[in-house]
C-alpha atoms as a PDB file:
ATOM      1  CA  UNK A   1       0.084  -0.052   0.189  1.00  0.00           C
ATOM      2  CA  UNK A   2       1.215   3.206  -0.720  1.00  0.00           C
ATOM      3  CA  UNK A   3       0.918   6.365   1.260  1.00  0.00           C
ATOM      4  CA  UNK A   4       0.612   9.762   0.211  1.00  0.00           C
ATOM      5  CA  UNK A   5       0.630  12.855   3.103  1.00  0.00           C
ATOM      6  CA  UNK A   6      -0.613  16.291   1.798  1.00  0.00           C
ATOM      7  CA  UNK A   7       1.139  18.657   3.869  1.00  0.00           C
ATOM      8  CA  UNK A   8       1.593  22.371   4.086  1.00  0.00           C
ATOM      9  CA  UNK A   9       2.077  25.494   7.026  1.00  0.00           C
ATOM     10  CA  UNK A  10      -0.124  27.393   4.704  1.00  0.00           C
ATOM     11  CA  UNK A  11      -3.864  27.482   5.315  1.00  0.00           C
ATOM     12  CA  UNK A  12      -5.813  28.032   2.172  1.00  0.00           C
ATOM     13  CA  UNK A  13      -3.162  26.281  -0.110  1.00  0.00           C
ATOM     14  CA  UNK A  14      -5.723  23.599  -1.249  1.00  0.00           C
ATOM     15  CA  UNK A  15      -4.472  20.329   0.652  1.00  0.00           C
ATOM     16  CA  UNK A  16      -8.322  19.281   1.297  1.00  0.00           C
ATOM     17  CA  UNK A  17      -9.192  19.714  -2.001  1.00  0.00           C
ATOM     18  CA  UNK A  18      -6.733  18.016  -3.484  1.00  0.00           C
ATOM     19  CA  UNK A  19      -7.054  15.222  -1.622  1.00  0.00           C
ATOM     20  CA  UNK A  20     -10.361  14.266  -2.287  1.00  0.00           C
ATOM     21  CA  UNK A  21      -9.962  15.008  -6.012  1.00  0.00           C
ATOM     22  CA  UNK A  22      -6.326  12.856  -5.632  1.00  0.00           C
ATOM     23  CA  UNK A  23      -7.874   9.864  -4.564  1.00  0.00           C
ATOM     24  CA  UNK A  24     -11.619   9.977  -6.618  1.00  0.00           C
ATOM     25  CA  UNK A  25      -8.850  10.057 -10.038  1.00  0.00           C
ATOM     26  CA  UNK A  26      -7.152   7.294  -8.460  1.00  0.00           C
ATOM     27  CA  UNK A  27      -9.609   4.870  -8.074  1.00  0.00           C
ATOM     28  CA  UNK A  28     -11.167   5.810 -11.439  1.00  0.00           C
ATOM     29  CA  UNK A  29      -7.750   4.915 -13.001  1.00  0.00           C
ATOM     30  CA  UNK A  30      -7.901   1.509 -11.081  1.00  0.00           C
ATOM     31  CA  UNK A  31      -5.409   2.423  -8.359  1.00  0.00           C
ATOM     32  CA  UNK A  32      -7.384   1.262  -5.945  1.00  0.00           C
ATOM     33  CA  UNK A  33      -8.951   0.557  -3.542  1.00  0.00           C
ATOM     34  CA  UNK A  34      -8.243   4.171  -1.812  1.00  0.00           C
ATOM     35  CA  UNK A  35      -9.017   4.900   1.220  1.00  0.00           C
ATOM     36  CA  UNK A  36      -9.024   8.915   2.607  1.00  0.00           C
ATOM     37  CA  UNK A  37      -7.675   9.976   6.205  1.00  0.00           C
ATOM     38  CA  UNK A  38      -8.432  13.467   7.714  1.00  0.00           C
ATOM     39  CA  UNK A  39      -6.106  14.505  10.373  1.00  0.00           C
ATOM     40  CA  UNK A  40      -7.185  17.724  10.254  1.00  0.00           C
ATOM     41  CA  UNK A  41      -9.268  18.972  13.181  1.00  0.00           C
ATOM     42  CA  UNK A  42     -11.543  21.095  10.810  1.00  0.00           C
ATOM     43  CA  UNK A  43     -12.474  17.782   9.261  1.00  0.00           C
ATOM     44  CA  UNK A  44     -13.052  19.502   6.362  1.00  0.00           C
ATOM     45  CA  UNK A  45     -12.441  16.279   4.264  1.00  0.00           C
ATOM     46  CA  UNK A  46     -14.793  14.208   6.978  1.00  0.00           C
ATOM     47  CA  UNK A  47     -17.321  16.530   6.104  1.00  0.00           C
ATOM     48  CA  UNK A  48     -16.985  16.160   2.279  1.00  0.00           C
ATOM     49  CA  UNK A  49     -16.903  12.084   2.247  1.00  0.00           C
ATOM     50  CA  UNK A  50     -20.016  11.970   4.696  1.00  0.00           C
ATOM     51  CA  UNK A  51     -21.833  14.577   1.655  1.00  0.00           C
ATOM     52  CA  UNK A  52     -20.393  11.925  -0.807  1.00  0.00           C
ATOM     53  CA  UNK A  53     -22.917   9.668  -2.609  1.00  0.00           C
ATOM     54  CA  UNK A  54     -20.576   7.278  -4.041  1.00  0.00           C
ATOM     55  CA  UNK A  55     -19.146   4.244  -1.571  1.00  0.00           C
ATOM     56  CA  UNK A  56     -15.510   4.789  -3.228  1.00  0.00           C
ATOM     57  CA  UNK A  57     -13.114   5.821  -2.137  1.00  0.00           C
ATOM     58  CA  UNK A  58     -13.768   4.742   1.429  1.00  0.00           C
ATOM     59  CA  UNK A  59     -12.839   6.767   4.544  1.00  0.00           C
ATOM     60  CA  UNK A  60     -10.992   5.828   7.227  1.00  0.00           C
ATOM     61  CA  UNK A  61     -11.286   7.447  10.729  1.00  0.00           C
ATOM     62  CA  UNK A  62      -8.012   6.925  12.864  1.00  0.00           C
ATOM     63  CA  UNK A  63      -6.329   9.124  15.190  1.00  0.00           C
ATOM     64  CA  UNK A  64      -2.931  10.389  14.808  1.00  0.00           C
ATOM     65  CA  UNK A  65      -1.319   8.506  17.542  1.00  0.00           C
ATOM     66  CA  UNK A  66      -3.448   5.151  16.448  1.00  0.00           C
ATOM     67  CA  UNK A  67      -1.562   5.920  12.542  1.00  0.00           C
ATOM     68  CA  UNK A  68       0.581   2.840  12.494  1.00  0.00           C
ATOM     69  CA  UNK A  69      -1.673   0.252  13.433  1.00  0.00           C
ATOM     70  CA  UNK A  70      -4.565   1.736  11.458  1.00  0.00           C
ATOM     71  CA  UNK A  71      -2.442   2.023   8.095  1.00  0.00           C
ATOM     72  CA  UNK A  72      -1.039  -1.783   9.045  1.00  0.00           C
ATOM     73  CA  UNK A  73      -4.860  -2.528   9.524  1.00  0.00           C
ATOM     74  CA  UNK A  74      -6.004  -1.187   5.678  1.00  0.00           C
ATOM     75  CA  UNK A  75      -2.566  -2.936   4.201  1.00  0.00           C
ATOM     76  CA  UNK A  76      -4.220  -5.929   5.545  1.00  0.00           C
ATOM     77  CA  UNK A  77      -7.574  -5.084   4.195  1.00  0.00           C
ATOM     78  CA  UNK A  78      -6.396  -5.224   0.697  1.00  0.00           C
ATOM     79  CA  UNK A  79      -6.428  -1.162   0.442  1.00  0.00           C
ATOM     80  CA  UNK A  80      -3.369  -0.194  -2.014  1.00  0.00           C
ATOM     81  CA  UNK A  81      -3.612   3.552  -1.588  1.00  0.00           C
ATOM     82  CA  UNK A  82      -3.687   5.688   1.108  1.00  0.00           C
ATOM     83  CA  UNK A  83      -3.813   9.525   1.043  1.00  0.00           C
ATOM     84  CA  UNK A  84      -3.817  12.093   4.170  1.00  0.00           C
ATOM     85  CA  UNK A  85      -4.982  15.511   4.602  1.00  0.00           C
ATOM     86  CA  UNK A  86      -2.938  17.304   7.802  1.00  0.00           C
ATOM     87  CA  UNK A  87      -3.800  20.416   9.311  1.00  0.00           C
ATOM     88  CA  UNK A  88      -2.198  24.213   8.192  1.00  0.00           C
ATOM     89  CA  UNK A  89       0.025  23.780  10.990  1.00  0.00           C
ATOM     90  CA  UNK A  90       3.517  22.394  11.804  1.00  0.00           C
ATOM     91  CA  UNK A  91       3.383  20.231  15.066  1.00  0.00           C
ATOM     92  CA  UNK A  92       4.887  17.182  16.357  1.00  0.00           C
ATOM     93  CA  UNK A  93       1.620  15.428  15.036  1.00  0.00           C
ATOM     94  CA  UNK A  94       2.492  16.512  11.748  1.00  0.00           C
ATOM     95  CA  UNK A  95       5.668  15.338  11.614  1.00  0.00           C
ATOM     96  CA  UNK A  96       4.527  12.302  12.810  1.00  0.00           C
ATOM     97  CA  UNK A  97       2.139  11.787   9.666  1.00  0.00           C
ATOM     98  CA  UNK A  98       4.853  12.800   7.328  1.00  0.00           C
ATOM     99  CA  UNK A  99       7.105   9.887   8.892  1.00  0.00           C
ATOM    100  CA  UNK A 100       4.603   7.102   7.536  1.00  0.00           C
ATOM    101  CA  UNK A 101       4.803   8.664   3.473  1.00  0.00           C
ATOM    102  CA  UNK A 102       5.590   6.917   0.564  1.00  0.00           C
ATOM    103  CA  UNK A 103       5.484  10.958  -0.853  1.00  0.00           C
ATOM    104  CA  UNK A 104       4.613  13.936   0.320  1.00  0.00           C
ATOM    105  CA  UNK A 105       2.884  16.250  -1.742  1.00  0.00           C
ATOM    106  CA  UNK A 106       3.295  20.166  -1.302  1.00  0.00           C
ATOM    107  CA  UNK A 107       0.310  22.413  -2.531  1.00  0.00           C
ATOM    108  CA  UNK A 108       1.385  26.172  -2.728  1.00  0.00           C
ATOM    109  CA  UNK A 109      -0.339  28.915  -4.958  1.00  0.00           C
ATOM    110  CA  UNK A 110       2.281  31.355  -6.466  1.00  0.00           C
ATOM    111  CA  UNK A 111       2.701  33.977  -3.801  1.00  0.00           C
ATOM    112  CA  UNK A 112       5.056  35.137  -1.497  1.00  0.00           C
ATOM    113  CA  UNK A 113       3.381  33.991   1.582  1.00  0.00           C
ATOM    114  CA  UNK A 114       2.571  30.655   0.574  1.00  0.00           C
ATOM    115  CA  UNK A 115       6.242  30.545  -0.755  1.00  0.00           C
ATOM    116  CA  UNK A 116       7.666  31.966   2.381  1.00  0.00           C
ATOM    117  CA  UNK A 117       5.748  28.762   4.399  1.00  0.00           C
ATOM    118  CA  UNK A 118       7.236  25.498   2.377  1.00  0.00           C
ATOM    119  CA  UNK A 119      10.267  25.889   4.515  1.00  0.00           C
ATOM    120  CA  UNK A 120       8.891  24.096   7.405  1.00  0.00           C
ATOM    121  CA  UNK A 121       7.697  21.272   5.576  1.00  0.00           C
ATOM    122  CA  UNK A 122      10.627  21.030   3.805  1.00  0.00           C
ATOM    123  CA  UNK A 123      12.549  20.439   6.797  1.00  0.00           C
ATOM    124  CA  UNK A 124      10.105  17.525   8.019  1.00  0.00           C
ATOM    125  CA  UNK A 125      10.236  15.813   4.721  1.00  0.00           C
ATOM    126  CA  UNK A 126      13.690  15.813   4.715  1.00  0.00           C
ATOM    127  CA  UNK A 127      14.388  15.098   8.368  1.00  0.00           C
ATOM    128  CA  UNK A 128      12.336  11.480   7.288  1.00  0.00           C
ATOM    129  CA  UNK A 129      14.439  11.126   4.264  1.00  0.00           C
ATOM    130  CA  UNK A 130      10.965  11.477   2.507  1.00  0.00           C
ATOM    131  CA  UNK A 131      10.414  12.327  -1.037  1.00  0.00           C
ATOM    132  CA  UNK A 132       8.397  15.504  -1.995  1.00  0.00           C
ATOM    133  CA  UNK A 133       6.941  17.163  -4.871  1.00  0.00           C
ATOM    134  CA  UNK A 134       5.396  20.829  -5.102  1.00  0.00           C
ATOM    135  CA  UNK A 135       2.089  21.238  -6.865  1.00  0.00           C
ATOM    136  CA  UNK A 136       1.152  24.456  -7.852  1.00  0.00           C
ATOM    137  CA  UNK A 137      -2.335  25.519  -7.063  1.00  0.00           C
ATOM    138  CA  UNK A 138      -4.798  28.374  -7.728  1.00  0.00           C
ATOM    139  CA  UNK A 139      -2.715  29.842 -10.288  1.00  0.00           C
ATOM    140  CA  UNK A 140      -3.735  32.497 -12.315  1.00  0.00           C
ATOM    141  CA  UNK A 141      -3.727  31.591 -15.861  1.00  0.00           C
ATOM    142  CA  UNK A 142      -0.896  33.361 -17.965  1.00  0.00           C
ATOM    143  CA  UNK A 143       0.784  35.154 -15.057  1.00  0.00           C
ATOM    144  CA  UNK A 144       4.335  35.191 -14.879  1.00  0.00           C
ATOM    145  CA  UNK A 145       4.588  35.345 -11.543  1.00  0.00           C
ATOM    146  CA  UNK A 146       3.122  31.000 -11.359  1.00  0.00           C
ATOM    147  CA  UNK A 147       6.354  30.550 -13.536  1.00  0.00           C
ATOM    148  CA  UNK A 148       8.553  32.420 -11.518  1.00  0.00           C
ATOM    149  CA  UNK A 149       7.243  30.816  -8.619  1.00  0.00           C
ATOM    150  CA  UNK A 150       7.702  27.125  -9.846  1.00  0.00           C
ATOM    151  CA  UNK A 151      11.535  28.397 -10.558  1.00  0.00           C
ATOM    152  CA  UNK A 152      12.250  29.401  -6.962  1.00  0.00           C
ATOM    153  CA  UNK A 153      10.572  26.356  -5.644  1.00  0.00           C
ATOM    154  CA  UNK A 154      12.385  24.118  -7.932  1.00  0.00           C
ATOM    155  CA  UNK A 155      15.701  24.962  -5.627  1.00  0.00           C
ATOM    156  CA  UNK A 156      14.277  22.961  -3.048  1.00  0.00           C
ATOM    157  CA  UNK A 157      12.727  20.040  -4.537  1.00  0.00           C
ATOM    158  CA  UNK A 158      10.789  18.620  -7.445  1.00  0.00           C
ATOM    159  CA  UNK A 159       7.661  20.693  -9.005  1.00  0.00           C
ATOM    160  CA  UNK A 160       5.125  18.763 -10.366  1.00  0.00           C
ATOM    161  CA  UNK A 161       5.161  19.597 -14.264  1.00  0.00           C
ATOM    162  CA  UNK A 162       1.051  20.200 -13.851  1.00  0.00           C
ATOM    163  CA  UNK A 163      -0.265  23.553 -12.330  1.00  0.00           C
ATOM    164  CA  UNK A 164      -3.895  23.768 -11.486  1.00  0.00           C
ATOM    165  CA  UNK A 165      -5.492  27.175 -12.126  1.00  0.00           C
ATOM    166  CA  UNK A 166      -7.497  28.936 -10.185  1.00  0.00           C
ATOM    167  CA  UNK A 167     -11.127  28.334 -11.181  1.00  0.00           C
ATOM    168  CA  UNK A 168     -14.590  28.149  -9.071  1.00  0.00           C
ATOM    169  CA  UNK A 169     -15.258  24.767 -10.493  1.00  0.00           C
ATOM    170  CA  UNK A 170     -12.869  22.942  -8.302  1.00  0.00           C
ATOM    171  CA  UNK A 171     -14.721  24.021  -5.043  1.00  0.00           C
ATOM    172  CA  UNK A 172     -18.324  24.173  -6.455  1.00  0.00           C
ATOM    173  CA  UNK A 173     -17.854  20.760  -7.067  1.00  0.00           C
ATOM    174  CA  UNK A 174     -17.160  19.698  -3.788  1.00  0.00           C
ATOM    175  CA  UNK A 175     -20.430  21.201  -2.259  1.00  0.00           C
ATOM    176  CA  UNK A 176     -22.169  17.839  -2.566  1.00  0.00           C
ATOM    177  CA  UNK A 177     -19.327  14.903  -2.291  1.00  0.00           C
ATOM    178  CA  UNK A 178     -18.289  14.772  -5.784  1.00  0.00           C
ATOM    179  CA  UNK A 179     -15.407  16.266  -7.440  1.00  0.00           C
ATOM    180  CA  UNK A 180     -14.789  17.941 -11.078  1.00  0.00           C
ATOM    181  CA  UNK A 181     -14.161  14.897 -12.718  1.00  0.00           C
ATOM    182  CA  UNK A 182     -17.646  13.632 -11.917  1.00  0.00           C
ATOM    183  CA  UNK A 183     -19.317  17.186 -12.645  1.00  0.00           C
ATOM    184  CA  UNK A 184     -17.791  17.997 -15.849  1.00  0.00           C
ATOM    185  CA  UNK A 185     -15.827  15.365 -17.070  1.00  0.00           C
ATOM    186  CA  UNK A 186     -14.605  17.190 -19.920  1.00  0.00           C
ATOM    187  CA  UNK A 187     -13.452  20.191 -18.054  1.00  0.00           C
ATOM    188  CA  UNK A 188     -10.291  21.779 -18.013  1.00  0.00           C
ATOM    189  CA  UNK A 189      -9.923  21.595 -14.382  1.00  0.00           C
ATOM    190  CA  UNK A 190     -10.797  17.878 -14.728  1.00  0.00           C
ATOM    191  CA  UNK A 191      -7.840  17.589 -17.249  1.00  0.00           C
ATOM    192  CA  UNK A 192      -5.474  19.094 -14.947  1.00  0.00           C
ATOM    193  CA  UNK A 193      -6.193  16.948 -12.079  1.00  0.00           C
ATOM    194  CA  UNK A 194      -6.269  13.589 -14.317  1.00  0.00           C
ATOM    195  CA  UNK A 195      -2.859  14.680 -15.647  1.00  0.00           C
ATOM    196  CA  UNK A 196      -1.557  15.433 -12.281  1.00  0.00           C
ATOM    197  CA  UNK A 197      -2.766  12.229 -10.834  1.00  0.00           C
ATOM    198  CA  UNK A 198      -1.037  10.635 -14.079  1.00  0.00           C
ATOM    199  CA  UNK A 199       2.763  12.265 -12.831  1.00  0.00           C
ATOM    200  CA  UNK A 200       2.237  11.337  -9.253  1.00  0.00           C
ATOM    201  CA  UNK A 201       0.902   7.601  -9.982  1.00  0.00           C
ATOM    202  CA  UNK A 202       4.263   7.558 -12.317  1.00  0.00           C
ATOM    203  CA  UNK A 203       6.639   8.789  -9.177  1.00  0.00           C
ATOM    204  CA  UNK A 204       4.625   5.856  -7.427  1.00  0.00           C
ATOM    205  CA  UNK A 205       5.428   3.182 -10.224  1.00  0.00           C
ATOM    206  CA  UNK A 206       9.204   4.359 -10.419  1.00  0.00           C
ATOM    207  CA  UNK A 207       9.649   4.302  -6.492  1.00  0.00           C
ATOM    208  CA  UNK A 208       8.749   0.846  -6.071  1.00  0.00           C
ATOM    209  CA  UNK A 209       6.668  -0.371  -8.674  1.00  0.00           C
ATOM    210  CA  UNK A 210       3.336  -0.294  -6.828  1.00  0.00           C
ATOM    211  CA  UNK A 211       1.265  -0.778  -9.616  1.00  0.00           C
ATOM    212  CA  UNK A 212       0.245  -3.816 -12.145  1.00  0.00           C
ATOM    213  CA  UNK A 213       1.149  -3.292 -16.266  1.00  0.00           C
ATOM    214  CA  UNK A 214      -2.688  -2.729 -16.501  1.00  0.00           C
ATOM    215  CA  UNK A 215      -2.809   0.195 -14.148  1.00  0.00           C
ATOM    216  CA  UNK A 216       0.392   1.568 -15.898  1.00  0.00           C
ATOM    217  CA  UNK A 217      -1.344   1.433 -19.465  1.00  0.00           C
ATOM    218  CA  UNK A 218      -3.793   3.793 -18.098  1.00  0.00           C
ATOM    219  CA  UNK A 219      -1.766   6.237 -16.690  1.00  0.00           C
ATOM    220  CA  UNK A 220       0.669   6.306 -19.684  1.00  0.00           C
ATOM    221  CA  UNK A 221      -2.564   7.124 -22.140  1.00  0.00           C
ATOM    222  CA  UNK A 222      -3.527  10.177 -19.784  1.00  0.00           C
ATOM    223  CA  UNK A 223       0.077  12.033 -20.673  1.00  0.00           C
ATOM    224  CA  UNK A 224       1.780  14.570 -18.733  1.00  0.00           C
ATOM    225  CA  UNK A 225       1.689  18.161 -19.947  1.00  0.00           C
ATOM    226  CA  UNK A 226       5.633  20.231 -19.618  1.00  0.00           C
ATOM    227  CA  UNK A 227       5.328  22.830 -17.173  1.00  0.00           C
ATOM    228  CA  UNK A 228       5.443  26.020 -18.715  1.00  0.00           C
ATOM    229  CA  UNK A 229       5.326  29.355 -17.370  1.00  0.00           C
ATOM    230  CA  UNK A 230       2.322  30.821 -18.874  1.00  0.00           C
ATOM    231  CA  UNK A 231       0.550  27.599 -17.471  1.00  0.00           C
ATOM    232  CA  UNK A 232      -1.741  27.356 -20.408  1.00  0.00           C
ATOM    233  CA  UNK A 233      -1.911  25.761 -23.433  1.00  0.00           C
ATOM    234  CA  UNK A 234      -1.958  27.610 -26.921  1.00  0.00           C
ATOM    235  CA  UNK A 235      -6.038  27.178 -27.052  1.00  0.00           C
ATOM    236  CA  UNK A 236      -6.577  28.682 -23.540  1.00  0.00           C
ATOM    237  CA  UNK A 237      -9.546  31.135 -23.763  1.00  0.00           C
ATOM    238  CA  UNK A 238      -9.383  32.915 -20.703  1.00  0.00           C
ATOM    239  CA  UNK A 239      -7.941  35.956 -20.447  1.00  0.00           C
ATOM    240  CA  UNK A 240      -4.752  36.835 -19.819  1.00  0.00           C
ATOM    241  CA  UNK A 241      -3.899  38.942 -16.787  1.00  0.00           C
ATOM    242  CA  UNK A 242      -0.686  40.907 -16.622  1.00  0.00           C
ATOM    243  CA  UNK A 243       0.484  40.511 -12.531  1.00  0.00           C
ATOM    244  CA  UNK A 244       3.274  42.397 -10.604  1.00  0.00           C
ATOM    245  CA  UNK A 245       6.428  39.838 -10.868  1.00  0.00           C
ATOM    246  CA  UNK A 246       7.321  37.998  -7.621  1.00  0.00           C
ATOM    247  CA  UNK A 247      10.106  40.288  -7.089  1.00  0.00           C
ATOM    248  CA  UNK A 248       7.579  43.213  -6.548  1.00  0.00           C
ATOM    249  CA  UNK A 249       5.954  41.058  -3.943  1.00  0.00           C
ATOM    250  CA  UNK A 250       9.535  39.800  -2.116  1.00  0.00           C
ATOM    251  CA  UNK A 251      10.738  41.533   1.396  1.00  0.00           C
ATOM    252  CA  UNK A 252      12.817  39.784   3.624  1.00  0.00           C
ATOM    253  CA  UNK A 253      12.831  36.061   2.273  1.00  0.00           C
ATOM    254  CA  UNK A 254      15.295  34.128   0.148  1.00  0.00           C
ATOM    255  CA  UNK A 255      13.171  35.582  -2.741  1.00  0.00           C
ATOM    256  CA  UNK A 256      14.025  39.058  -2.190  1.00  0.00           C
ATOM    257  CA  UNK A 257      14.931  41.004  -5.588  1.00  0.00           C
ATOM    258  CA  UNK A 258      18.531  42.205  -6.503  1.00  0.00           C
ATOM    259  CA  UNK A 259      19.114  45.392  -4.964  1.00  0.00           C
ATOM    260  CA  UNK A 260      19.649  48.451  -7.113  1.00  0.00           C
ATOM    261  CA  UNK A 261      23.538  49.463  -8.089  1.00  0.00           C
ATOM    262  CA  UNK A 262      24.752  52.082  -6.272  1.00  0.00           C
ATOM    263  CA  UNK A 263      25.141  55.761  -7.994  1.00  0.00           C
ATOM    264  CA  UNK A 264      28.206  57.256  -8.007  1.00  0.00           C
ATOM    265  CA  UNK A 265      28.055  60.539  -5.173  1.00  0.00           C
ATOM    266  CA  UNK A 266      31.071  62.655  -6.251  1.00  0.00           C
ATOM    267  CA  UNK A 267      28.899  62.609 -10.328  1.00  0.00           C
ATOM    268  CA  UNK A 268      25.585  63.194  -8.606  1.00  0.00           C
ATOM    269  CA  UNK A 269      26.830  65.870  -6.092  1.00  0.00           C
ATOM    270  CA  UNK A 270      28.534  67.642  -9.030  1.00  0.00           C
ATOM    271  CA  UNK A 271      25.649  67.209 -11.487  1.00  0.00           C
ATOM    272  CA  UNK A 272      22.399  67.727  -8.884  1.00  0.00           C
ATOM    273  CA  UNK A 273      18.897  66.532  -9.298  1.00  0.00           C
ATOM    274  CA  UNK A 274      15.812  68.693  -9.676  1.00  0.00           C
ATOM    275  CA  UNK A 275      12.710  66.811  -9.238  1.00  0.00           C
ATOM    276  CA  UNK A 276       9.842  68.177 -11.039  1.00  0.00           C
ATOM    277  CA  UNK A 277       6.283  66.984 -11.721  1.00  0.00           C
ATOM    278  CA  UNK A 278       7.771  63.406 -10.404  1.00  0.00           C
ATOM    279  CA  UNK A 279      10.411  62.726 -12.508  1.00  0.00           C
ATOM    280  CA  UNK A 280      14.716  63.359 -12.056  1.00  0.00           C
ATOM    281  CA  UNK A 281      15.414  66.135 -14.887  1.00  0.00           C
ATOM    282  CA  UNK A 282      19.465  66.447 -15.036  1.00  0.00           C
ATOM    283  CA  UNK A 283      20.687  70.229 -14.857  1.00  0.00           C
ATOM    284  CA  UNK A 284      24.084  71.785 -14.461  1.00  0.00           C
ATOM    285  CA  UNK A 285      25.274  73.775 -11.737  1.00  0.00           C
ATOM    286  CA  UNK A 286      24.233  77.088 -13.319  1.00  0.00           C
ATOM    287  CA  UNK A 287      21.062  75.595 -14.055  1.00  0.00           C
ATOM    288  CA  UNK A 288      20.899  75.780 -17.260  1.00  0.00           C
ATOM    289  CA  UNK A 289      19.744  72.763 -19.023  1.00  0.00           C
ATOM    290  CA  UNK A 290      22.183  70.522 -20.623  1.00  0.00           C
ATOM    291  CA  UNK A 291      23.882  71.013 -23.754  1.00  0.00           C
ATOM    292  CA  UNK A 292      22.079  70.155 -27.161  1.00  0.00           C
ATOM    293  CA  UNK A 293      18.621  70.406 -24.903  1.00  0.00           C
ATOM    294  CA  UNK A 294      15.952  73.081 -25.342  1.00  0.00           C
ATOM    295  CA  UNK A 295      14.894  75.819 -22.694  1.00  0.00           C
ATOM    296  CA  UNK A 296      11.507  74.745 -21.169  1.00  0.00           C
ATOM    297  CA  UNK A 297       8.815  77.049 -22.338  1.00  0.00           C
ATOM    298  CA  UNK A 298       6.228  77.965 -19.686  1.00  0.00           C
ATOM    299  CA  UNK A 299       3.190  78.889 -20.285  1.00  0.00           C
ATOM    300  CA  UNK A 300       1.293  81.612 -17.693  1.00  0.00           C
ATOM    301  CA  UNK A 301      -1.854  80.426 -17.098  1.00  0.00           C
ATOM    302  CA  UNK A 302      -4.993  82.724 -15.593  1.00  0.00           C
ATOM    303  CA  UNK A 303      -5.053  86.520 -15.915  1.00  0.00           C
ATOM    304  CA  UNK A 304      -1.673  88.589 -16.024  1.00  0.00           C
ATOM    305  CA  UNK A 305      -0.798  91.425 -14.380  1.00  0.00           C
ATOM    306  CA  UNK A 306      -0.334  94.144 -16.350  1.00  0.00           C
ATOM    307  CA  UNK A 307       3.313  94.860 -16.140  1.00  0.00           C
ATOM    308  CA  UNK A 308       3.319  91.431 -17.492  1.00  0.00           C
ATOM    309  CA  UNK A 309       4.202  90.960 -20.961  1.00  0.00           C
ATOM    310  CA  UNK A 310       2.871  87.603 -22.817  1.00  0.00           C
ATOM    311  CA  UNK A 311       5.812  84.565 -24.098  1.00  0.00           C
ATOM    312  CA  UNK A 312       6.860  84.959 -27.746  1.00  0.00           C
ATOM    313  CA  UNK A 313       4.721  82.830 -29.627  1.00  0.00           C
ATOM    314  CA  UNK A 314       1.979  83.024 -27.240  1.00  0.00           C
ATOM    315  CA  UNK A 315      -1.218  85.671 -27.417  1.00  0.00           C
ATOM    316  CA  UNK A 316      -2.963  87.644 -24.925  1.00  0.00           C
ATOM    317  CA  UNK A 317      -6.115  86.203 -23.212  1.00  0.00           C
ATOM    318  CA  UNK A 318      -8.775  88.773 -23.300  1.00  0.00           C
ATOM    319  CA  UNK A 319     -10.367  89.612 -20.313  1.00  0.00           C
END
């Protein structure tokens, strides 16, 4: 039996939604029987399963301190995959859950806050010598920050070559205990989940060959799209949305941007700067514009004083 643990210190990263979707997709591709385990005190995954009409995947109510015996019981009962959801925190109990994992999946949104929060989860996985993969979740279609976040995470582990984009149908499909693959199998979201599970299943096969020949063939048929900074295919019809780069958000993390070059203070003091209309305009010590630059023509608005003649080229306004 293979054990997948979804863990992330950051709340709202999508662990519960992803746990349910991966479990249903695994059952659909023949990787089951699958058992779901919810170790989050909020019990969101439990509530979703209770609202579900289908019997698969199964749900196992196992406390963290009884996890070892519970997993052994599932293994002896013929389950081939267990997916464990964890709470958004870093505690001793989560470290214990990760110790049983064959693979740790860390969902992360492409935002500086999520990227800063993955460090503690990485430390736990490395402490237990567990393989991990990052899943870019709730990404904006064609946003540059998604590609930049994937590059940053790749410095600390493997990034899944499938990006899950921010779409309402992910959450809406789980209202009545279903997943997007069951509500709208032909949707883009359903395709993303299928491709993500195909990638994860291939990782499990390469790790210890847990699937039979038929299951491997089903996984191979799904295929996996390569990761793209745009995070969308050429036929993507959703509007492109420009977002600031990750460097614009970075503050005090390892994603901090490169500092700007320090100007030559001697040249600055010799030339000087004058701020006009929000722009820095260089001028020489005599107050004249640089060589080759014309004089700025100052237009006088409103009424003029009697002793003040109009500028050349301008007509005196009638009162």
